[in-house]
Amino acid sequence: MPEERLDLHHGFGTLAVQVFPLSDVKAYMGHADIATTMIYVDHVPQADAAEKLSTALSEVAGVAEPAAHRR
């Protein structure tokens, strides 16, 4: 799998296991074995992960952050 696609695949898996049943994530990701899907279960996001992701995406997209998020 190309590196960019692998990054998207891993990112999706990491987020998906936090909101969907593992059996659904297994199917969405095309895993033959649930053990492969379980790789993503151990990820525990940092408390400020959402803010960091929002900031990074805003910077990449060239969109200014709302004043409340600026430090």
N, C-alpha and C. Protein backbone atom coordinates (compact mmCIF):
# COMPACT_ATOMS: atom_id res chain seq x y z
N MET A 1 0.85 -1.16 0.00
CA MET A 1 0.00 0.00 0.00
C MET A 1 0.90 1.23 0.00
N PRO A 2 0.62 2.24 -0.84
CA PRO A 2 1.43 3.47 -0.81
C PRO A 2 1.40 4.11 0.58
N GLU A 3 2.48 4.81 0.93
CA GLU A 3 2.60 5.37 2.29
C GLU A 3 1.44 6.28 2.66
N GLU A 4 1.01 7.16 1.73
CA GLU A 4 -0.09 8.08 2.05
C GLU A 4 -1.37 7.30 2.35
N ARG A 5 -1.63 6.27 1.57
CA ARG A 5 -2.84 5.47 1.78
C ARG A 5 -2.75 4.70 3.10
N LEU A 6 -1.56 4.23 3.41
CA LEU A 6 -1.36 3.51 4.67
C LEU A 6 -1.60 4.45 5.85
N ASP A 7 -1.14 5.71 5.75
CA ASP A 7 -1.37 6.69 6.81
C ASP A 7 -2.86 6.93 7.00
N LEU A 8 -3.61 7.08 5.91
CA LEU A 8 -5.06 7.29 5.99
C LEU A 8 -5.74 6.06 6.59
N HIS A 9 -5.29 4.90 6.16
CA HIS A 9 -5.86 3.63 6.65
C HIS A 9 -5.65 3.53 8.16
N HIS A 10 -4.43 3.80 8.60
CA HIS A 10 -4.11 3.71 10.03
C HIS A 10 -4.88 4.78 10.82
N GLY A 11 -4.94 5.98 10.27
CA GLY A 11 -5.68 7.05 10.93
C GLY A 11 -7.15 6.72 11.09
N PHE A 12 -7.74 6.17 10.04
CA PHE A 12 -9.14 5.77 10.11
C PHE A 12 -9.32 4.69 11.17
N GLY A 13 -8.47 3.68 11.17
CA GLY A 13 -8.59 2.59 12.13
C GLY A 13 -8.48 3.07 13.56
N THR A 14 -7.54 3.98 13.80
CA THR A 14 -7.34 4.52 15.13
C THR A 14 -8.58 5.25 15.63
N LEU A 15 -9.20 6.04 14.76
CA LEU A 15 -10.41 6.76 15.14
C LEU A 15 -11.62 5.85 15.20
N ALA A 16 -11.74 4.96 14.26
CA ALA A 16 -12.93 4.10 14.15
C ALA A 16 -13.11 3.20 15.36
N VAL A 17 -12.02 2.66 15.91
CA VAL A 17 -12.17 1.77 17.06
C VAL A 17 -12.68 2.50 18.29
N GLN A 18 -12.63 3.81 18.28
CA GLN A 18 -13.13 4.59 19.42
C GLN A 18 -14.64 4.82 19.35
N VAL A 19 -15.23 4.62 18.17
CA VAL A 19 -16.66 4.93 18.03
C VAL A 19 -17.52 3.81 17.45
N PHE A 20 -16.91 2.80 16.85
CA PHE A 20 -17.66 1.70 16.24
C PHE A 20 -17.31 0.37 16.90
N PRO A 21 -18.21 -0.59 16.86
CA PRO A 21 -17.87 -1.93 17.34
C PRO A 21 -16.71 -2.51 16.52
N LEU A 22 -15.86 -3.29 17.18
CA LEU A 22 -14.69 -3.86 16.49
C LEU A 22 -15.07 -4.68 15.27
N SER A 23 -16.19 -5.39 15.34
CA SER A 23 -16.60 -6.19 14.19
C SER A 23 -16.89 -5.31 12.98
N ASP A 24 -17.45 -4.12 13.22
CA ASP A 24 -17.70 -3.19 12.12
C ASP A 24 -16.38 -2.64 11.55
N VAL A 25 -15.47 -2.26 12.44
CA VAL A 25 -14.18 -1.73 12.00
C VAL A 25 -13.43 -2.79 11.20
N LYS A 26 -13.49 -4.02 11.65
CA LYS A 26 -12.85 -5.14 10.93
C LYS A 26 -13.37 -5.20 9.50
N ALA A 27 -14.68 -5.09 9.34
CA ALA A 27 -15.27 -5.15 8.01
C ALA A 27 -14.91 -3.91 7.19
N TYR A 28 -14.99 -2.73 7.81
CA TYR A 28 -14.67 -1.48 7.09
C TYR A 28 -13.25 -1.50 6.56
N MET A 29 -12.32 -2.06 7.35
CA MET A 29 -10.91 -2.03 6.98
C MET A 29 -10.49 -3.23 6.13
N GLY A 30 -11.39 -4.18 5.95
CA GLY A 30 -11.08 -5.33 5.11
C GLY A 30 -10.15 -6.33 5.77
N HIS A 31 -10.14 -6.37 7.09
CA HIS A 31 -9.27 -7.31 7.80
C HIS A 31 -9.90 -8.70 7.79
N ALA A 32 -9.10 -9.71 7.54
CA ALA A 32 -9.57 -11.09 7.56
C ALA A 32 -9.66 -11.61 8.99
N ASP A 33 -8.85 -11.07 9.88
CA ASP A 33 -8.77 -11.56 11.25
C ASP A 33 -8.95 -10.39 12.22
N ILE A 34 -9.76 -10.57 13.24
CA ILE A 34 -10.01 -9.52 14.24
C ILE A 34 -8.72 -9.13 14.96
N ALA A 35 -7.75 -10.02 15.02
CA ALA A 35 -6.48 -9.71 15.67
C ALA A 35 -5.79 -8.53 14.98
N THR A 36 -5.95 -8.42 13.68
CA THR A 36 -5.37 -7.29 12.95
C THR A 36 -6.05 -5.99 13.38
N THR A 37 -7.35 -6.03 13.54
CA THR A 37 -8.10 -4.85 13.96
C THR A 37 -7.72 -4.45 15.39
N MET A 38 -7.42 -5.42 16.21
CA MET A 38 -7.07 -5.17 17.61
C MET A 38 -5.82 -4.31 17.76
N ILE A 39 -5.00 -4.23 16.73
CA ILE A 39 -3.80 -3.38 16.77
C ILE A 39 -4.18 -1.95 17.10
N TYR A 40 -5.34 -1.53 16.64
CA TYR A 40 -5.77 -0.13 16.80
C TYR A 40 -6.40 0.15 18.16
N VAL A 41 -6.73 -0.86 18.92
CA VAL A 41 -7.43 -0.69 20.19
C VAL A 41 -6.54 -0.06 21.26
N ASP A 42 -5.26 -0.32 21.23
CA ASP A 42 -4.36 0.16 22.28
C ASP A 42 -4.09 1.66 22.21
N HIS A 43 -4.46 2.30 21.13
CA HIS A 43 -4.19 3.72 21.00
C HIS A 43 -5.08 4.51 21.96
N VAL A 44 -4.44 5.32 22.80
CA VAL A 44 -5.17 6.18 23.72
C VAL A 44 -4.78 7.61 23.38
N PRO A 45 -5.72 8.40 22.87
CA PRO A 45 -5.37 9.76 22.47
C PRO A 45 -5.01 10.64 23.67
N GLN A 46 -4.15 11.60 23.43
CA GLN A 46 -3.80 12.57 24.46
C GLN A 46 -5.01 13.48 24.69
N ALA A 47 -5.06 14.09 25.85
CA ALA A 47 -6.18 14.95 26.21
C ALA A 47 -6.36 16.10 25.22
N ASP A 48 -5.26 16.60 24.66
CA ASP A 48 -5.35 17.73 23.73
C ASP A 48 -5.20 17.31 22.27
N ALA A 49 -5.40 16.03 21.99
CA ALA A 49 -5.20 15.53 20.64
C ALA A 49 -6.12 16.20 19.62
N ALA A 50 -7.38 16.42 19.97
CA ALA A 50 -8.32 17.04 19.03
C ALA A 50 -7.89 18.46 18.68
N GLU A 51 -7.45 19.21 19.69
CA GLU A 51 -7.00 20.58 19.44
C GLU A 51 -5.75 20.59 18.55
N LYS A 52 -4.81 19.69 18.83
CA LYS A 52 -3.60 19.60 18.02
C LYS A 52 -3.93 19.23 16.57
N LEU A 53 -4.84 18.29 16.39
CA LEU A 53 -5.23 17.89 15.04
C LEU A 53 -5.91 19.05 14.32
N SER A 54 -6.80 19.74 14.98
CA SER A 54 -7.49 20.88 14.39
C SER A 54 -6.49 21.96 13.96
N THR A 55 -5.53 22.24 14.81
CA THR A 55 -4.51 23.24 14.50
C THR A 55 -3.69 22.81 13.29
N ALA A 56 -3.26 21.56 13.27
CA ALA A 56 -2.45 21.06 12.17
C ALA A 56 -3.22 21.11 10.85
N LEU A 57 -4.47 20.69 10.88
CA LEU A 57 -5.28 20.71 9.66
C LEU A 57 -5.53 22.13 9.19
N SER A 58 -5.74 23.05 10.11
CA SER A 58 -5.95 24.45 9.76
C SER A 58 -4.71 25.03 9.09
N GLU A 59 -3.54 24.69 9.63
CA GLU A 59 -2.29 25.18 9.05
C GLU A 59 -2.07 24.64 7.65
N VAL A 60 -2.34 23.37 7.46
CA VAL A 60 -2.16 22.75 6.15
C VAL A 60 -3.13 23.34 5.13
N ALA A 61 -4.36 23.58 5.58
CA ALA A 61 -5.39 24.10 4.68
C ALA A 61 -5.27 25.61 4.49
N GLY A 62 -4.43 26.28 5.30
CA GLY A 62 -4.28 27.71 5.19
C GLY A 62 -5.47 28.47 5.75
N VAL A 63 -6.17 27.84 6.67
CA VAL A 63 -7.35 28.45 7.27
C VAL A 63 -6.96 29.00 8.64
N ALA A 64 -7.35 30.22 8.91
CA ALA A 64 -7.04 30.81 10.22
C ALA A 64 -7.88 30.14 11.29
N GLU A 65 -7.27 29.91 12.45
CA GLU A 65 -7.99 29.33 13.58
C GLU A 65 -8.87 30.37 14.22
N PRO A 66 -9.98 29.96 14.81
CA PRO A 66 -10.78 30.90 15.60
C PRO A 66 -9.93 31.44 16.74
N ALA A 67 -10.18 32.68 17.15
CA ALA A 67 -9.37 33.34 18.19
C ALA A 67 -9.34 32.52 19.48
N ALA A 68 -10.40 31.80 19.80
CA ALA A 68 -10.46 31.02 21.04
C ALA A 68 -9.41 29.91 21.07
N HIS A 69 -8.96 29.46 19.91
CA HIS A 69 -7.98 28.38 19.85
C HIS A 69 -6.54 28.85 19.77
N ARG A 70 -6.34 30.12 19.56
CA ARG A 70 -4.98 30.64 19.46
C ARG A 70 -4.37 30.78 20.85
N ARG A 71 -3.07 30.59 20.93
CA ARG A 71 -2.37 30.75 22.22
C ARG A 71 -1.39 31.86 22.12
